[in-house]
Protein backbone atom coordinates (compact mmCIF):
# COMPACT_ATOMS: atom_id res chain seq x y z
CA MET A 1 -134.46 68.38 129.59
CA CYS A 2 -131.05 69.65 130.69
CA PRO A 3 -128.77 70.99 127.97
CA ASN A 4 -125.49 69.23 127.48
CA PRO A 5 -123.05 71.86 126.29
CA ALA A 6 -120.04 70.68 124.35
CA SER A 7 -116.75 70.84 126.15
CA ALA A 8 -113.86 72.87 124.84
CA GLY A 9 -112.08 69.73 123.67
CA ARG A 10 -115.01 68.13 121.80
CA HIS A 11 -117.58 68.99 119.15
CA ARG A 12 -121.34 69.03 119.86
CA ASP A 13 -121.67 65.42 118.69
CA GLY A 14 -119.04 64.33 121.19
CA SER A 15 -116.25 63.74 118.68
CA PRO A 16 -112.83 64.97 119.78
CA ARG A 17 -111.77 68.37 118.56
CA THR A 18 -108.36 68.22 116.93
CA VAL A 19 -106.25 71.34 116.83
CA CYS A 20 -103.43 71.54 114.30
CA ARG A 21 -100.38 72.98 115.97
CA ARG A 22 -98.50 75.45 113.82
CA ARG A 23 -94.87 74.53 113.48
CA PRO A 24 -92.21 77.06 112.47
CA LEU A 25 -90.45 76.53 109.18
CA ARG A 26 -86.93 75.26 109.63
CA VAL A 27 -84.10 74.44 107.25
CA ALA A 28 -82.33 71.14 107.78
CA ALA A 29 -78.59 71.32 108.41
CA THR A 30 -78.01 68.92 105.48
CA SER A 31 -80.11 70.97 103.05
CA PRO A 32 -78.16 71.96 99.90
CA SER A 33 -79.95 75.31 99.93
CA ARG A 34 -80.71 77.74 102.77
CA LEU A 35 -83.76 78.93 100.81
CA LEU A 36 -87.21 78.11 102.17
CA ARG A 37 -89.60 76.40 99.77
CA ALA A 38 -91.89 79.43 100.04
CA GLY A 39 -89.12 81.56 98.53
CA GLN A 40 -88.36 79.25 95.61
CA SER A 41 -91.20 80.51 93.45
CA GLY A 42 -91.56 83.81 91.70
CA ARG A 43 -92.35 85.50 88.40
CA CYS A 44 -90.22 86.08 85.35
CA ARG A 45 -89.03 89.68 85.21
CA GLN A 46 -89.64 89.78 81.46
CA CYS A 47 -92.99 88.00 80.91
CA GLY A 48 -94.55 87.83 84.39
CA ASN A 49 -95.30 84.10 84.28
CA ARG A 50 -94.74 81.84 87.26
CA ILE A 51 -91.35 80.16 87.65
CA ALA A 52 -89.82 77.83 90.23
CA PHE A 53 -86.19 78.10 91.33
CA TYR A 54 -84.15 75.01 92.14
CA PRO A 55 -80.47 74.61 93.03
CA ARG A 56 -78.31 72.78 90.52
CA ALA A 57 -75.46 70.41 91.27
CA ASP A 58 -72.97 73.27 90.68
CA GLN A 59 -74.58 75.34 93.49
CA TRP A 60 -76.24 77.75 91.04
CA PHE A 61 -80.00 78.10 90.59
CA ILE A 62 -82.15 77.48 87.54
CA ALA A 63 -85.65 78.76 86.80
CA LEU A 64 -87.91 75.89 85.74
CA HIS A 65 -91.49 75.83 84.52
CA PRO A 66 -93.59 75.04 87.63
CA VAL A 67 -95.59 72.28 85.88
CA GLU A 68 -94.20 68.92 84.82
CA LEU A 69 -94.48 68.04 81.13
CA THR A 70 -94.65 64.75 79.29
CA ALA A 71 -91.09 63.72 78.53
CA ALA A 72 -92.02 62.49 75.04
CA GLN A 73 -93.14 66.03 74.10
CA VAL A 74 -89.94 67.71 75.32
CA PRO A 75 -86.62 67.51 73.39
CA ALA A 76 -83.96 65.52 75.20
CA ALA A 77 -81.68 68.58 75.45
CA CYS A 78 -84.39 70.51 77.37
CA ARG A 79 -85.31 67.84 79.92
CA TRP A 80 -84.55 68.36 83.60
CA HIS A 81 -85.47 66.28 86.61
CA LEU A 82 -85.41 66.81 90.36
CA SER A 83 -83.65 64.54 92.82
CA SER A 84 -83.66 65.44 96.53
CA GLY A 85 -84.50 69.02 95.59
CA ILE A 86 -81.57 69.32 93.14
CA ALA A 87 -82.19 69.98 89.43
CA HIS A 88 -80.25 67.82 86.99
CA PRO A 89 -79.99 68.58 83.23
CA HIS A 90 -81.34 65.31 81.82
CA GLY A 91 -84.27 62.97 82.17
CA ASP A 92 -84.54 60.39 84.92
CA GLY A 93 -86.20 57.71 82.80
CA SER A 94 -89.75 58.56 83.90
CA ALA A 95 -92.59 59.72 81.69
CA TRP A 96 -92.42 63.26 83.13
CA CYS A 97 -89.78 65.97 83.18
CA ARG A 98 -89.21 69.64 83.86
CA ILE A 99 -88.25 72.29 81.32
CA PRO A 100 -86.33 75.57 81.81
CA HIS A 101 -88.41 78.70 81.69
CA THR A 102 -85.97 80.26 79.22
CA VAL A 103 -87.23 77.77 76.62
CA LEU A 104 -90.85 78.82 77.15
CA CYS A 105 -90.44 82.53 77.90
CA PRO A 106 -92.28 84.48 75.16
CA HIS A 107 -89.83 87.37 75.65
CA ARG A 108 -87.01 85.21 74.27
CA ALA A 109 -86.59 84.05 70.70
CA LEU A 110 -87.40 80.40 70.05
CA ALA A 111 -84.16 78.47 69.55
CA GLY A 112 -84.81 76.02 66.71
CA GLN A 113 -87.77 73.69 66.26
CA LEU A 114 -88.87 72.37 69.64
CA GLY A 115 -92.10 70.70 68.57
CA PRO A 116 -95.77 71.74 68.37
CA HIS A 117 -96.46 71.12 72.07
CA ILE A 118 -93.69 73.51 73.18
CA ALA A 119 -94.83 76.11 70.63
CA ALA A 120 -98.43 75.88 71.91
CA LEU A 121 -97.27 76.27 75.50
CA ARG A 122 -95.22 79.34 74.53
CA ARG A 123 -98.35 80.86 72.94
CA GLN A 124 -100.31 80.25 76.14
CA LEU A 125 -97.65 81.99 78.20
CA ALA A 126 -97.53 84.87 75.70
CA VAL A 127 -101.30 85.37 75.98
CA ARG A 128 -101.07 85.24 79.78
CA ALA A 129 -98.21 87.76 79.77
CA ARG A 130 -100.16 90.12 77.52
CA ARG A 131 -103.18 89.86 79.82
CA LEU A 132 -101.05 90.71 82.87
CA ILE A 133 -99.55 93.72 81.10
CA ASP A 134 -102.91 94.99 79.80
CA THR A 135 -104.54 94.77 83.23
CA GLY A 136 -101.61 96.53 84.91
CA ALA A 137 -100.77 93.53 87.09
CA PHE A 138 -97.26 93.27 85.64
CA THR A 139 -94.74 95.62 84.08
CA PRO A 140 -91.82 94.09 82.13
CA ALA A 141 -88.35 94.91 83.39
CA ASP A 142 -86.87 97.82 81.48
CA GLU A 143 -83.15 98.30 81.97
CA PRO A 144 -81.94 101.51 80.33
CA PHE A 145 -78.93 103.41 81.60
CA GLY A 146 -80.14 106.81 82.63
CA GLY A 147 -76.90 108.67 83.23
CA GLY A 148 -77.13 108.58 87.02
CA ARG A 149 -76.49 104.98 88.07
CA PRO A 150 -76.76 101.64 86.24
CA ASP A 151 -79.99 99.76 86.79
CA ARG A 152 -78.01 96.50 86.70
CA PRO A 153 -74.47 97.29 87.85
CA VAL A 154 -71.44 95.05 87.51
CA VAL A 155 -70.03 94.27 90.96
CA GLN A 156 -66.59 92.78 91.63
CA LEU A 157 -66.18 90.71 94.79
CA LEU A 158 -64.59 87.43 95.89
CA LEU A 159 -62.29 87.33 92.83
CA GLY A 160 -65.26 87.39 90.46
CA ARG A 161 -67.63 89.73 88.71
CA TYR A 162 -71.39 89.55 89.08
CA LEU A 163 -74.30 91.33 87.46
CA ALA A 164 -76.82 92.61 90.01
CA ASP A 165 -80.54 92.58 89.31
CA ARG A 166 -81.07 96.13 90.61
CA PRO A 167 -79.08 99.26 91.55
CA VAL A 168 -76.54 98.92 94.33
CA GLN A 169 -78.57 101.04 96.76
CA ASP A 170 -81.68 98.92 96.20
CA ILE A 171 -80.15 95.48 96.79
CA ARG A 172 -82.22 94.09 99.64
CA CYS A 173 -81.50 91.45 102.26
CA VAL A 174 -82.98 88.04 101.40
CA ALA A 175 -83.19 86.66 104.96
CA GLN A 176 -86.42 85.82 106.76
CA THR A 177 -87.45 87.87 109.79
CA ARG A 178 -89.06 86.54 112.95
CA HIS A 179 -92.45 87.49 111.50
CA ARG A 180 -91.76 85.29 108.45
CA HIS A 181 -91.39 88.24 106.13
CA ARG A 182 -88.44 89.22 103.99
CA CYS A 183 -85.99 91.55 105.68
CA PRO A 184 -86.62 95.15 104.52
CA HIS A 185 -83.06 96.37 105.17
CA PRO A 186 -80.61 97.01 102.31
CA VAL A 187 -77.28 95.25 101.97
CA LEU A 188 -75.54 98.62 101.58
CA ALA A 189 -75.54 99.58 105.26
CA PRO A 190 -74.49 103.16 106.12
CA HIS A 191 -72.07 102.21 108.91
CA THR A 192 -70.20 99.43 107.08
CA PRO A 193 -67.29 99.59 104.61
CA GLN A 194 -68.49 100.41 101.13
CA GLY A 195 -67.18 99.81 97.66
CA VAL A 196 -66.03 102.32 95.10
CA TRP A 197 -66.95 102.90 91.49
CA THR A 198 -63.96 102.46 89.19
CA LEU A 199 -63.13 101.77 85.57
CA LEU A 200 -61.69 98.30 85.02
CA PRO A 201 -60.70 96.47 81.84
CA THR A 202 -63.31 94.25 80.25
CA ASP A 203 -61.72 90.84 80.64
CA PRO A 204 -63.29 88.17 78.41
CA HIS A 205 -63.55 84.56 79.42
CA HIS A 206 -60.90 82.11 78.29
CA GLY A 207 -61.15 81.48 74.56
CA GLN A 208 -63.44 84.46 73.84
CA LEU A 209 -62.72 87.50 71.74
CA ALA A 210 -62.32 90.76 73.62
CA PRO A 211 -65.27 93.18 73.35
CA PRO A 212 -64.64 96.38 71.39
CA ASP A 213 -64.92 98.53 74.53
CA GLY A 214 -61.78 98.16 76.61
CA SER A 215 -63.05 99.37 80.01
CA MET A 216 -66.28 99.43 81.98
CA ALA A 217 -67.69 100.87 85.20
CA VAL A 218 -67.53 98.37 88.07
CA TYR A 219 -68.60 98.68 91.69
CA ASP A 220 -65.46 97.28 93.31
CA LEU A 221 -65.78 95.53 96.67
CA THR A 222 -62.44 93.70 96.64
CA ARG A 223 -60.89 96.19 99.10
CA LEU A 224 -63.40 95.14 101.75
CA PRO A 225 -62.64 92.37 104.27
CA TYR A 226 -63.52 88.84 103.29
CA GLY A 227 -66.46 88.76 105.70
CA GLU A 228 -67.98 91.86 104.10
CA GLN A 229 -67.58 90.46 100.59
CA LEU A 230 -69.20 87.22 101.71
CA ARG A 231 -72.07 89.21 103.18
CA TRP A 232 -72.62 90.90 99.83
CA ARG A 233 -72.41 87.58 97.98
CA THR A 234 -75.03 86.00 100.24
CA GLN A 235 -77.02 89.27 100.03
CA ARG A 236 -77.64 89.84 103.71
CA CYS A 237 -77.79 92.89 105.93
CA PRO A 238 -75.26 93.14 108.78
CA ALA A 239 -77.77 91.86 111.36
CA HIS A 240 -78.67 88.70 109.42
CA ALA A 241 -75.07 88.15 108.31
CA ALA A 242 -74.28 87.52 111.98
CA ALA A 243 -77.08 84.91 112.16
CA PRO A 244 -76.14 82.16 109.68
CA GLY A 245 -78.92 79.84 110.87
CA VAL A 246 -81.65 82.12 109.52
CA ALA A 247 -83.22 80.87 106.30
CA ASP A 248 -83.53 82.88 103.09
CA LEU A 249 -86.92 83.95 101.78
CA ALA A 250 -85.72 84.95 98.30
CA LEU A 251 -82.92 84.21 95.89
CA ALA A 252 -79.81 86.35 95.79
CA GLY A 253 -80.02 88.49 92.69
CA TRP A 254 -76.51 87.83 91.39
CA GLU A 255 -75.71 86.54 87.92
CA VAL A 256 -72.22 85.57 86.81
CA PHE A 257 -71.10 88.39 84.54
CA ASP A 258 -70.22 87.54 80.95
CA PRO A 259 -68.97 90.51 78.88
CA LEU A 260 -70.32 89.00 75.66
CA LEU A 261 -73.76 88.01 76.95
CA HIS A 262 -74.25 91.20 78.96
CA THR A 263 -72.95 93.79 76.52
CA GLU A 264 -75.97 96.06 77.12
CA HIS A 265 -74.79 96.51 80.72
CA LEU A 266 -71.26 97.66 79.79
CA HIS A 267 -70.76 101.36 80.51
CA ALA A 268 -67.51 103.12 79.72
CA ARG A 269 -68.07 106.02 82.12
CA LEU A 270 -68.51 106.21 85.85
CA PRO A 271 -72.02 106.97 87.14
CA GLN A 272 -72.64 110.38 88.59
CA PRO A 273 -72.79 110.25 92.40
CA GLU A 274 -76.34 110.71 93.59
CA THR A 275 -76.01 109.87 97.29
CA SER A 276 -73.27 109.41 99.81
CA HIS A 277 -73.66 105.63 99.48
CA GLN A 278 -71.64 105.65 96.27
CA SER A 279 -68.54 107.12 97.79
CA GLY A 280 -65.66 104.81 98.60
CA ALA A 281 -64.88 103.66 102.08
């Protein structure tokens, strides 16, 4: 009996062998966000639980709980829904909705009575956060000011002030490389114009009372060209700033600075220079 070996294109039983072709991830030109779906998930820096980032209608991002909840168990003021990848702050009439992670985060105080189901879910996340901390899988973000440089500096660029999520030297490019990894290069490139640390008045928002401290340390980038400020705002290294078609693999770590909400990050003295990166251009 002569053996009948299977061909390269078929299995031993003669059925055709199908090969799934790997397709590169691409971002549509009409997409409201340049962020790949793989980069829209992460962990809360305070409790370590999973969160999902979605762009809002005002072009900002919101961190939502990754699991849908029954709309009847969520207060109307906490309901969000997704439409074409955009998060909207109300229900869409269905029986399911999303809820912001800030409502469930065990690190934050519970604002009012949100119902027994929300309280039980907060307890579950608190137990999960404690388990992650005890096993060493997660360390909560600690943001003291250690006399050298602020861990979350206030940066002024594009006629606005933003609170960074890490020191200036550690702000990393969010673009995706050809190997589908996040770019390892910092935004603060050595051969590009750099900002300067300066003391600026603490300007409150319209209608707010002025904070007691009249000045604060700010990393000022307003003297840089518009293209450089835009590169900082989009959080890209010089190489990926010149390639606008490249998708992002992480969210930019900027938060609109509010002097009343971010009082713990106000510092009335300039940080001591540690490296040459902190010198002005």
